[in-house]
Amino acid sequence: DPRSSRRATGWSQVKYDSHICTHLGELWSSGDKQCQEFVLNSSATRQLLETNPTLGLKIFTSMLPQNEEQWLNQIDNPLLEANDTSTKIVDLLKSIRPIVPIHS
């Protein structure tokens, strides 16, 4: 059971989820198509989106540009244009059924 192994290491759920989010976000932002497919199909991605939607969305957005110049210089970002990858992201998000209430 993954949850019991986390307890054995002493990590809190938030620390574990943050670590997973960072790792998946790095794989996603690498731009490598195989890494992106892995992230899209990973049970860890789905679980994070279901249990902590705010954190889970950061997998796909944490590496987005932070200012206007970075946005203008952005190349090949699947969130900026309609393509197969952006469609897969939308399909994944549509399939998620959060198991915790989303706080506004």
C-alpha atoms as a PDB file:
ATOM      1  CA  ASP A   1       0.000   0.000   0.000  1.00  0.00           C
ATOM      2  CA  PRO A   2       1.626   3.283  -1.132  1.00  0.00           C
ATOM      3  CA  ARG A   3       0.032   5.244   1.703  1.00  0.00           C
ATOM      4  CA  SER A   4       1.565   3.024   4.391  1.00  0.00           C
ATOM      5  CA  SER A   5       5.004   3.340   2.778  1.00  0.00           C
ATOM      6  CA  ARG A   6       4.651   7.142   2.930  1.00  0.00           C
ATOM      7  CA  ARG A   7       3.877   6.909   6.639  1.00  0.00           C
ATOM      8  CA  ALA A   8       6.995   4.806   7.136  1.00  0.00           C
ATOM      9  CA  THR A   9       9.120   7.566   5.612  1.00  0.00           C
ATOM     10  CA  GLY A  10       7.524  10.217   7.802  1.00  0.00           C
ATOM     11  CA  TRP A  11       6.288  12.316   4.882  1.00  0.00           C
ATOM     12  CA  SER A  12       2.974  14.079   5.297  1.00  0.00           C
ATOM     13  CA  GLN A  13       0.379  13.657   2.553  1.00  0.00           C
ATOM     14  CA  VAL A  14       0.911  17.269   1.433  1.00  0.00           C
ATOM     15  CA  LYS A  15       4.680  16.785   1.160  1.00  0.00           C
ATOM     16  CA  TYR A  16       4.227  13.551  -0.788  1.00  0.00           C
ATOM     17  CA  ASP A  17       1.637  15.101  -3.141  1.00  0.00           C
ATOM     18  CA  SER A  18       3.864  18.152  -3.699  1.00  0.00           C
ATOM     19  CA  HIS A  19       6.811  15.905  -4.531  1.00  0.00           C
ATOM     20  CA  ILE A  20       4.747  13.867  -7.000  1.00  0.00           C
ATOM     21  CA  CYS A  21       3.364  17.057  -8.571  1.00  0.00           C
ATOM     22  CA  THR A  22       6.852  18.505  -9.015  1.00  0.00           C
ATOM     23  CA  HIS A  23       8.165  15.303 -10.567  1.00  0.00           C
ATOM     24  CA  LEU A  24       5.221  14.927 -12.955  1.00  0.00           C
ATOM     25  CA  GLY A  25       5.431  18.642 -13.826  1.00  0.00           C
ATOM     26  CA  GLU A  26       9.112  18.283 -14.707  1.00  0.00           C
ATOM     27  CA  LEU A  27       8.354  15.300 -16.919  1.00  0.00           C
ATOM     28  CA  TRP A  28       5.507  17.217 -18.553  1.00  0.00           C
ATOM     29  CA  SER A  29       7.517  20.373 -19.156  1.00  0.00           C
ATOM     30  CA  SER A  30      10.432  18.451 -20.667  1.00  0.00           C
ATOM     31  CA  GLY A  31       8.588  18.594 -23.982  1.00  0.00           C
ATOM     32  CA  ASP A  32       9.393  14.944 -24.639  1.00  0.00           C
ATOM     33  CA  LYS A  33       6.304  13.308 -26.145  1.00  0.00           C
ATOM     34  CA  GLN A  34       6.912   9.994 -24.346  1.00  0.00           C
ATOM     35  CA  CYS A  35       7.208  11.788 -20.994  1.00  0.00           C
ATOM     36  CA  GLN A  36       4.011  13.699 -21.695  1.00  0.00           C
ATOM     37  CA  GLU A  37       2.165  10.496 -22.621  1.00  0.00           C
ATOM     38  CA  PHE A  38       3.431   8.933 -19.404  1.00  0.00           C
ATOM     39  CA  VAL A  39       2.100  11.887 -17.368  1.00  0.00           C
ATOM     40  CA  LEU A  40      -1.263  11.813 -19.152  1.00  0.00           C
ATOM     41  CA  ASN A  41      -1.665   8.071 -18.561  1.00  0.00           C
ATOM     42  CA  SER A  42      -0.184   7.894 -15.065  1.00  0.00           C
ATOM     43  CA  SER A  43      -2.382   6.760 -12.206  1.00  0.00           C
ATOM     44  CA  ALA A  44      -0.433   9.229 -10.051  1.00  0.00           C
ATOM     45  CA  THR A  45      -1.655  12.115 -12.237  1.00  0.00           C
ATOM     46  CA  ARG A  46      -5.242  10.918 -12.005  1.00  0.00           C
ATOM     47  CA  GLN A  47      -5.041  10.363  -8.235  1.00  0.00           C
ATOM     48  CA  LEU A  48      -3.543  13.799  -7.641  1.00  0.00           C
ATOM     49  CA  LEU A  49      -6.212  15.477  -9.781  1.00  0.00           C
ATOM     50  CA  GLU A  50      -8.924  13.588  -7.898  1.00  0.00           C
ATOM     51  CA  THR A  51      -7.636  14.183  -4.368  1.00  0.00           C
ATOM     52  CA  ASN A  52      -6.079  17.635  -4.742  1.00  0.00           C
ATOM     53  CA  PRO A  53      -7.325  19.278  -7.973  1.00  0.00           C
ATOM     54  CA  THR A  54      -5.569  22.596  -7.345  1.00  0.00           C
ATOM     55  CA  LEU A  55      -2.202  20.923  -6.934  1.00  0.00           C
ATOM     56  CA  GLY A  56      -2.891  18.432  -9.723  1.00  0.00           C
ATOM     57  CA  LEU A  57      -3.464  21.197 -12.267  1.00  0.00           C
ATOM     58  CA  LYS A  58       0.010  22.530 -11.503  1.00  0.00           C
ATOM     59  CA  ILE A  59       1.420  19.481 -13.263  1.00  0.00           C
ATOM     60  CA  PHE A  60       0.406  21.123 -16.532  1.00  0.00           C
ATOM     61  CA  THR A  61       0.800  24.788 -15.588  1.00  0.00           C
ATOM     62  CA  SER A  62       3.768  25.107 -13.227  1.00  0.00           C
ATOM     63  CA  MET A  63       6.190  25.794 -16.043  1.00  0.00           C
ATOM     64  CA  LEU A  64       4.021  28.330 -17.840  1.00  0.00           C
ATOM     65  CA  PRO A  65       5.550  31.723 -18.578  1.00  0.00           C
ATOM     66  CA  GLN A  66       5.490  34.196 -15.698  1.00  0.00           C
ATOM     67  CA  ASN A  67       5.409  37.492 -17.618  1.00  0.00           C
ATOM     68  CA  GLU A  68       4.384  38.985 -20.961  1.00  0.00           C
ATOM     69  CA  GLU A  69       7.810  38.631 -22.560  1.00  0.00           C
ATOM     70  CA  GLN A  70       7.958  34.939 -21.677  1.00  0.00           C
ATOM     71  CA  TRP A  71       4.451  34.444 -23.114  1.00  0.00           C
ATOM     72  CA  LEU A  72       5.426  36.153 -26.346  1.00  0.00           C
ATOM     73  CA  ASN A  73       8.545  33.989 -26.643  1.00  0.00           C
ATOM     74  CA  GLN A  74       6.689  30.779 -25.819  1.00  0.00           C
ATOM     75  CA  ILE A  75       7.231  28.066 -28.402  1.00  0.00           C
ATOM     76  CA  ASP A  76       5.323  24.823 -28.814  1.00  0.00           C
ATOM     77  CA  ASN A  77       3.195  24.992 -25.674  1.00  0.00           C
ATOM     78  CA  PRO A  78       0.289  22.537 -25.910  1.00  0.00           C
ATOM     79  CA  LEU A  79      -1.817  24.732 -23.632  1.00  0.00           C
ATOM     80  CA  LEU A  80      -1.574  27.673 -26.031  1.00  0.00           C
ATOM     81  CA  GLU A  81      -2.827  26.020 -29.182  1.00  0.00           C
ATOM     82  CA  ALA A  82      -5.388  23.459 -30.201  1.00  0.00           C
ATOM     83  CA  ASN A  83      -3.558  20.245 -30.981  1.00  0.00           C
ATOM     84  CA  ASP A  84      -3.605  16.557 -30.103  1.00  0.00           C
ATOM     85  CA  THR A  85      -1.854  17.082 -26.752  1.00  0.00           C
ATOM     86  CA  SER A  86      -4.182  19.853 -25.607  1.00  0.00           C
ATOM     87  CA  THR A  87      -7.152  17.682 -26.566  1.00  0.00           C
ATOM     88  CA  LYS A  88      -5.719  14.841 -24.454  1.00  0.00           C
ATOM     89  CA  ILE A  89      -5.333  17.192 -21.473  1.00  0.00           C
ATOM     90  CA  VAL A  90      -8.947  18.352 -21.813  1.00  0.00           C
ATOM     91  CA  ASP A  91     -10.161  14.751 -22.144  1.00  0.00           C
ATOM     92  CA  LEU A  92      -8.224  13.747 -19.025  1.00  0.00           C
ATOM     93  CA  LEU A  93      -9.611  16.660 -17.029  1.00  0.00           C
ATOM     94  CA  LYS A  94     -13.163  15.884 -18.177  1.00  0.00           C
ATOM     95  CA  SER A  95     -12.771  12.306 -16.930  1.00  0.00           C
ATOM     96  CA  ILE A  96     -11.675  13.328 -13.422  1.00  0.00           C
ATOM     97  CA  ARG A  97     -14.212  13.053 -10.631  1.00  0.00           C
ATOM     98  CA  PRO A  98     -12.740  14.830  -7.596  1.00  0.00           C
ATOM     99  CA  ILE A  99     -13.190  12.881  -4.386  1.00  0.00           C
ATOM    100  CA  VAL A 100     -12.709  15.959  -2.245  1.00  0.00           C
ATOM    101  CA  PRO A 101     -14.655  19.213  -2.466  1.00  0.00           C
ATOM    102  CA  ILE A 102     -12.956  21.952  -4.446  1.00  0.00           C
ATOM    103  CA  HIS A 103     -12.487  25.004  -2.239  1.00  0.00           C
ATOM    104  CA  SER A 104     -12.836  28.422  -3.823  1.00  0.00           C
END
